Amino acid sequence: MVQGLCLGGEYGGAITYVAEHVPTNAAATTPGGLQTSRRSESCVTGCDHRDARSYFGNQVFDEWAWRVPFLVSFLLVAIAIYIRLQLQETPIFQEIKPRAR
């Protein structure tokens, strides 16, 4: 549940950040990220013919292998933090900041 809430916050912030940086005549989408997340979910839940249960076996999957996506997410969080620390404020925010009270 916490991961879902964090994803919602990050996704909204990322879309806003991108929208403030791209030209007004450009469109941005995230099909690659959505497809990657869907494939990851399929591997764990068994919606794919080559799922994690068939790779690890039912007993190993039930004991520890179901945690693998969560462990991988720690790496993704570290990458996201690094990227966030490298970002600058958006041009629109820099423009309106001096006028803010």
N, C-alpha and C. Protein backbone atom coordinates (compact mmCIF):
# COMPACT_ATOMS: atom_id res chain seq x y z
N MET A 1 0.83 -1.18 0.00
CA MET A 1 0.00 0.00 0.00
C MET A 1 0.88 1.25 0.00
N VAL A 2 1.96 1.22 0.79
CA VAL A 2 2.85 2.37 0.85
C VAL A 2 3.51 2.60 -0.50
N GLN A 3 3.92 1.52 -1.17
CA GLN A 3 4.53 1.67 -2.49
C GLN A 3 3.55 2.30 -3.47
N GLY A 4 2.28 1.91 -3.39
CA GLY A 4 1.28 2.49 -4.27
C GLY A 4 1.08 3.97 -4.02
N LEU A 5 1.05 4.37 -2.76
CA LEU A 5 0.90 5.79 -2.43
C LEU A 5 2.11 6.59 -2.91
N CYS A 6 3.30 6.02 -2.71
CA CYS A 6 4.51 6.70 -3.16
C CYS A 6 4.54 6.83 -4.67
N LEU A 7 4.12 5.78 -5.36
CA LEU A 7 4.08 5.82 -6.81
C LEU A 7 3.14 6.92 -7.28
N GLY A 8 1.98 7.02 -6.66
CA GLY A 8 1.03 8.05 -7.05
C GLY A 8 1.61 9.44 -6.89
N GLY A 9 2.30 9.69 -5.81
CA GLY A 9 2.92 10.99 -5.59
C GLY A 9 4.05 11.27 -6.55
N GLU A 10 4.89 10.28 -6.78
CA GLU A 10 6.02 10.46 -7.69
C GLU A 10 5.55 10.65 -9.13
N TYR A 11 4.56 9.88 -9.52
CA TYR A 11 4.07 9.97 -10.90
C TYR A 11 3.48 11.35 -11.17
N GLY A 12 2.66 11.83 -10.26
CA GLY A 12 2.06 13.15 -10.43
C GLY A 12 3.11 14.24 -10.49
N GLY A 13 4.09 14.16 -9.60
CA GLY A 13 5.17 15.15 -9.60
C GLY A 13 6.01 15.09 -10.86
N ALA A 14 6.28 13.87 -11.32
CA ALA A 14 7.10 13.72 -12.53
C ALA A 14 6.38 14.26 -13.76
N ILE A 15 5.10 13.98 -13.86
CA ILE A 15 4.33 14.47 -15.01
C ILE A 15 4.29 16.00 -15.01
N THR A 16 4.10 16.59 -13.83
CA THR A 16 4.08 18.05 -13.74
C THR A 16 5.44 18.63 -14.12
N TYR A 17 6.51 18.02 -13.63
CA TYR A 17 7.86 18.49 -13.94
C TYR A 17 8.13 18.44 -15.44
N VAL A 18 7.77 17.32 -16.06
CA VAL A 18 7.98 17.17 -17.50
C VAL A 18 7.12 18.16 -18.27
N ALA A 19 5.87 18.31 -17.85
CA ALA A 19 4.97 19.22 -18.55
C ALA A 19 5.47 20.66 -18.52
N GLU A 20 6.17 21.04 -17.45
CA GLU A 20 6.68 22.41 -17.36
C GLU A 20 7.98 22.60 -18.13
N HIS A 21 8.60 21.52 -18.57
CA HIS A 21 9.85 21.62 -19.31
C HIS A 21 9.71 21.46 -20.82
N VAL A 22 8.70 20.73 -21.25
CA VAL A 22 8.58 20.48 -22.70
C VAL A 22 7.92 21.66 -23.38
N PRO A 23 8.22 21.84 -24.66
CA PRO A 23 7.53 22.89 -25.41
C PRO A 23 6.03 22.62 -25.46
N THR A 24 5.26 23.65 -25.65
CA THR A 24 3.80 23.50 -25.62
C THR A 24 3.27 22.64 -26.76
N ASN A 25 4.04 22.48 -27.84
CA ASN A 25 3.57 21.68 -28.96
C ASN A 25 4.08 20.23 -28.90
N ALA A 26 4.68 19.82 -27.80
CA ALA A 26 5.21 18.46 -27.67
C ALA A 26 4.32 17.65 -26.73
N ALA A 27 4.28 16.37 -26.97
CA ALA A 27 3.51 15.46 -26.11
C ALA A 27 4.48 14.45 -25.49
N ALA A 28 4.26 14.13 -24.23
CA ALA A 28 5.13 13.17 -23.53
C ALA A 28 4.27 12.05 -22.97
N THR A 29 4.72 10.83 -23.15
CA THR A 29 4.02 9.67 -22.59
C THR A 29 5.04 8.75 -21.94
N THR A 30 4.52 7.75 -21.23
CA THR A 30 5.41 6.82 -20.53
C THR A 30 5.11 5.36 -20.87
N PRO A 31 5.01 5.03 -22.16
CA PRO A 31 4.67 3.64 -22.48
C PRO A 31 5.74 2.65 -22.05
N GLY A 32 6.99 3.04 -22.13
CA GLY A 32 8.07 2.13 -21.73
C GLY A 32 8.01 1.77 -20.26
N GLY A 33 7.79 2.76 -19.42
CA GLY A 33 7.70 2.51 -17.98
C GLY A 33 6.49 1.70 -17.61
N LEU A 34 5.37 2.00 -18.24
CA LEU A 34 4.15 1.24 -17.96
C LEU A 34 4.29 -0.21 -18.42
N GLN A 35 4.90 -0.41 -19.57
CA GLN A 35 5.10 -1.77 -20.07
C GLN A 35 6.06 -2.55 -19.17
N THR A 36 7.10 -1.91 -18.71
CA THR A 36 8.06 -2.57 -17.81
C THR A 36 7.39 -2.97 -16.50
N SER A 37 6.60 -2.08 -15.94
CA SER A 37 5.92 -2.41 -14.69
C SER A 37 4.92 -3.53 -14.89
N ARG A 38 4.24 -3.55 -16.03
CA ARG A 38 3.28 -4.62 -16.30
C ARG A 38 3.98 -5.96 -16.44
N ARG A 39 5.10 -5.98 -17.12
CA ARG A 39 5.84 -7.24 -17.27
C ARG A 39 6.38 -7.71 -15.93
N SER A 40 6.83 -6.80 -15.10
CA SER A 40 7.31 -7.16 -13.77
C SER A 40 6.19 -7.77 -12.94
N GLU A 41 5.04 -7.16 -12.99
CA GLU A 41 3.89 -7.68 -12.25
C GLU A 41 3.49 -9.04 -12.78
N SER A 42 3.55 -9.24 -14.08
CA SER A 42 3.20 -10.52 -14.67
C SER A 42 4.13 -11.63 -14.21
N CYS A 43 5.39 -11.32 -14.10
CA CYS A 43 6.35 -12.34 -13.66
C CYS A 43 6.06 -12.81 -12.24
N VAL A 44 5.58 -11.93 -11.41
CA VAL A 44 5.35 -12.28 -10.01
C VAL A 44 3.99 -12.94 -9.81
N THR A 45 2.97 -12.45 -10.46
CA THR A 45 1.63 -12.95 -10.20
C THR A 45 1.26 -14.18 -11.00
N GLY A 46 2.04 -14.51 -12.00
CA GLY A 46 1.75 -15.71 -12.76
C GLY A 46 0.86 -15.48 -13.95
N CYS A 47 0.71 -14.25 -14.40
CA CYS A 47 -0.12 -13.95 -15.56
C CYS A 47 0.62 -14.26 -16.86
N ASP A 48 1.89 -14.56 -16.75
CA ASP A 48 2.72 -14.86 -17.91
C ASP A 48 3.07 -16.34 -17.87
N HIS A 49 3.30 -16.95 -19.02
CA HIS A 49 3.60 -18.38 -19.05
C HIS A 49 4.97 -18.68 -18.45
N ARG A 50 5.84 -17.70 -18.34
CA ARG A 50 7.15 -17.90 -17.73
C ARG A 50 7.22 -17.07 -16.45
N ASP A 51 6.41 -17.42 -15.48
CA ASP A 51 6.32 -16.63 -14.26
C ASP A 51 7.34 -17.07 -13.22
N ALA A 52 7.39 -16.33 -12.14
CA ALA A 52 8.35 -16.59 -11.08
C ALA A 52 8.10 -17.93 -10.39
N ARG A 53 6.86 -18.32 -10.25
CA ARG A 53 6.55 -19.60 -9.60
C ARG A 53 7.14 -20.77 -10.39
N SER A 54 7.02 -20.73 -11.70
CA SER A 54 7.57 -21.83 -12.49
C SER A 54 9.09 -21.79 -12.52
N TYR A 55 9.67 -20.61 -12.40
CA TYR A 55 11.13 -20.49 -12.39
C TYR A 55 11.71 -20.96 -11.06
N PHE A 56 11.16 -20.48 -9.94
CA PHE A 56 11.69 -20.82 -8.62
C PHE A 56 11.07 -22.09 -8.04
N GLY A 57 9.86 -22.41 -8.45
CA GLY A 57 9.11 -23.49 -7.82
C GLY A 57 8.18 -22.91 -6.77
N ASN A 58 7.07 -23.59 -6.51
CA ASN A 58 6.07 -23.05 -5.58
C ASN A 58 6.62 -22.86 -4.17
N GLN A 59 7.36 -23.82 -3.66
CA GLN A 59 7.84 -23.72 -2.28
C GLN A 59 8.83 -22.56 -2.10
N VAL A 60 9.79 -22.45 -3.00
CA VAL A 60 10.78 -21.37 -2.91
C VAL A 60 10.09 -20.02 -3.10
N PHE A 61 9.16 -19.96 -4.04
CA PHE A 61 8.44 -18.70 -4.27
C PHE A 61 7.70 -18.28 -3.01
N ASP A 62 6.98 -19.22 -2.38
CA ASP A 62 6.23 -18.90 -1.17
C ASP A 62 7.13 -18.53 0.00
N GLU A 63 8.34 -19.09 0.06
CA GLU A 63 9.25 -18.81 1.17
C GLU A 63 9.94 -17.46 1.05
N TRP A 64 10.50 -17.16 -0.13
CA TRP A 64 11.26 -15.91 -0.22
C TRP A 64 11.22 -15.23 -1.58
N ALA A 65 10.97 -15.94 -2.66
CA ALA A 65 11.12 -15.34 -3.99
C ALA A 65 10.09 -14.25 -4.28
N TRP A 66 8.96 -14.25 -3.58
CA TRP A 66 7.96 -13.20 -3.80
C TRP A 66 8.50 -11.84 -3.39
N ARG A 67 9.59 -11.82 -2.63
CA ARG A 67 10.19 -10.56 -2.17
C ARG A 67 11.12 -9.92 -3.20
N VAL A 68 11.49 -10.65 -4.24
CA VAL A 68 12.46 -10.17 -5.22
C VAL A 68 12.05 -8.82 -5.81
N PRO A 69 10.81 -8.61 -6.25
CA PRO A 69 10.46 -7.29 -6.80
C PRO A 69 10.63 -6.15 -5.79
N PHE A 70 10.38 -6.44 -4.51
CA PHE A 70 10.57 -5.41 -3.50
C PHE A 70 12.04 -5.08 -3.31
N LEU A 71 12.89 -6.10 -3.38
CA LEU A 71 14.32 -5.86 -3.27
C LEU A 71 14.84 -5.07 -4.47
N VAL A 72 14.35 -5.38 -5.65
CA VAL A 72 14.74 -4.63 -6.85
C VAL A 72 14.27 -3.18 -6.72
N SER A 73 13.14 -2.97 -6.07
CA SER A 73 12.62 -1.61 -5.94
C SER A 73 13.56 -0.73 -5.11
N PHE A 74 14.34 -1.32 -4.20
CA PHE A 74 15.31 -0.52 -3.44
C PHE A 74 16.33 0.11 -4.38
N LEU A 75 16.77 -0.65 -5.37
CA LEU A 75 17.70 -0.10 -6.37
C LEU A 75 17.03 1.02 -7.15
N LEU A 76 15.79 0.82 -7.52
CA LEU A 76 15.07 1.86 -8.26
C LEU A 76 14.87 3.11 -7.42
N VAL A 77 14.63 2.94 -6.14
CA VAL A 77 14.48 4.10 -5.25
C VAL A 77 15.79 4.87 -5.18
N ALA A 78 16.91 4.16 -5.08
CA ALA A 78 18.21 4.83 -5.04
C ALA A 78 18.46 5.62 -6.32
N ILE A 79 18.12 5.03 -7.45
CA ILE A 79 18.27 5.74 -8.73
C ILE A 79 17.36 6.96 -8.77
N ALA A 80 16.13 6.81 -8.31
CA ALA A 80 15.20 7.94 -8.30
C ALA A 80 15.69 9.08 -7.40
N ILE A 81 16.24 8.74 -6.25
CA ILE A 81 16.77 9.77 -5.35
C ILE A 81 17.93 10.50 -6.02
N TYR A 82 18.81 9.75 -6.66
CA TYR A 82 19.94 10.37 -7.36
C TYR A 82 19.44 11.34 -8.44
N ILE A 83 18.48 10.88 -9.23
CA ILE A 83 17.94 11.74 -10.29
C ILE A 83 17.29 12.98 -9.69
N ARG A 84 16.52 12.80 -8.63
CA ARG A 84 15.83 13.94 -8.00
C ARG A 84 16.84 14.97 -7.49
N LEU A 85 17.95 14.52 -6.94
CA LEU A 85 18.96 15.45 -6.43
C LEU A 85 19.65 16.22 -7.55
N GLN A 86 19.61 15.70 -8.78
CA GLN A 86 20.25 16.37 -9.91
C GLN A 86 19.32 17.37 -10.61
N LEU A 87 18.03 17.34 -10.29
CA LEU A 87 17.06 18.19 -10.98
C LEU A 87 17.14 19.64 -10.50
N GLN A 88 16.89 20.53 -11.42
CA GLN A 88 16.80 21.95 -11.11
C GLN A 88 15.32 22.33 -11.07
N GLU A 89 15.02 23.47 -10.49
CA GLU A 89 13.63 23.94 -10.50
C GLU A 89 13.20 24.21 -11.93
N THR A 90 11.91 24.08 -12.17
CA THR A 90 11.39 24.30 -13.52
C THR A 90 11.44 25.79 -13.86
N PRO A 91 11.52 26.10 -15.14
CA PRO A 91 11.55 27.51 -15.56
C PRO A 91 10.32 28.29 -15.09
N ILE A 92 9.17 27.65 -15.12
CA ILE A 92 7.95 28.34 -14.69
C ILE A 92 8.04 28.68 -13.20
N PHE A 93 8.52 27.75 -12.38
CA PHE A 93 8.65 28.01 -10.95
C PHE A 93 9.66 29.12 -10.69
N GLN A 94 10.78 29.09 -11.40
CA GLN A 94 11.80 30.14 -11.22
C GLN A 94 11.24 31.51 -11.61
N GLU A 95 10.35 31.54 -12.58
CA GLU A 95 9.76 32.80 -13.02
C GLU A 95 8.78 33.36 -11.99
N ILE A 96 7.98 32.52 -11.36
CA ILE A 96 6.96 33.03 -10.42
C ILE A 96 7.46 33.11 -8.99
N LYS A 97 8.59 32.50 -8.67
CA LYS A 97 9.09 32.50 -7.29
C LYS A 97 9.33 33.91 -6.74
N PRO A 98 9.95 34.81 -7.50
CA PRO A 98 10.17 36.17 -6.95
C PRO A 98 8.88 36.91 -6.63
N ARG A 99 7.78 36.57 -7.29
CA ARG A 99 6.52 37.24 -7.05
C ARG A 99 5.73 36.65 -5.90
N ALA A 100 6.16 35.48 -5.43
CA ALA A 100 5.43 34.81 -4.34
C ALA A 100 5.65 35.53 -3.02
N ARG A 101 4.65 35.46 -2.18
CA ARG A 101 4.75 36.13 -0.88
C ARG A 101 5.20 35.15 0.16
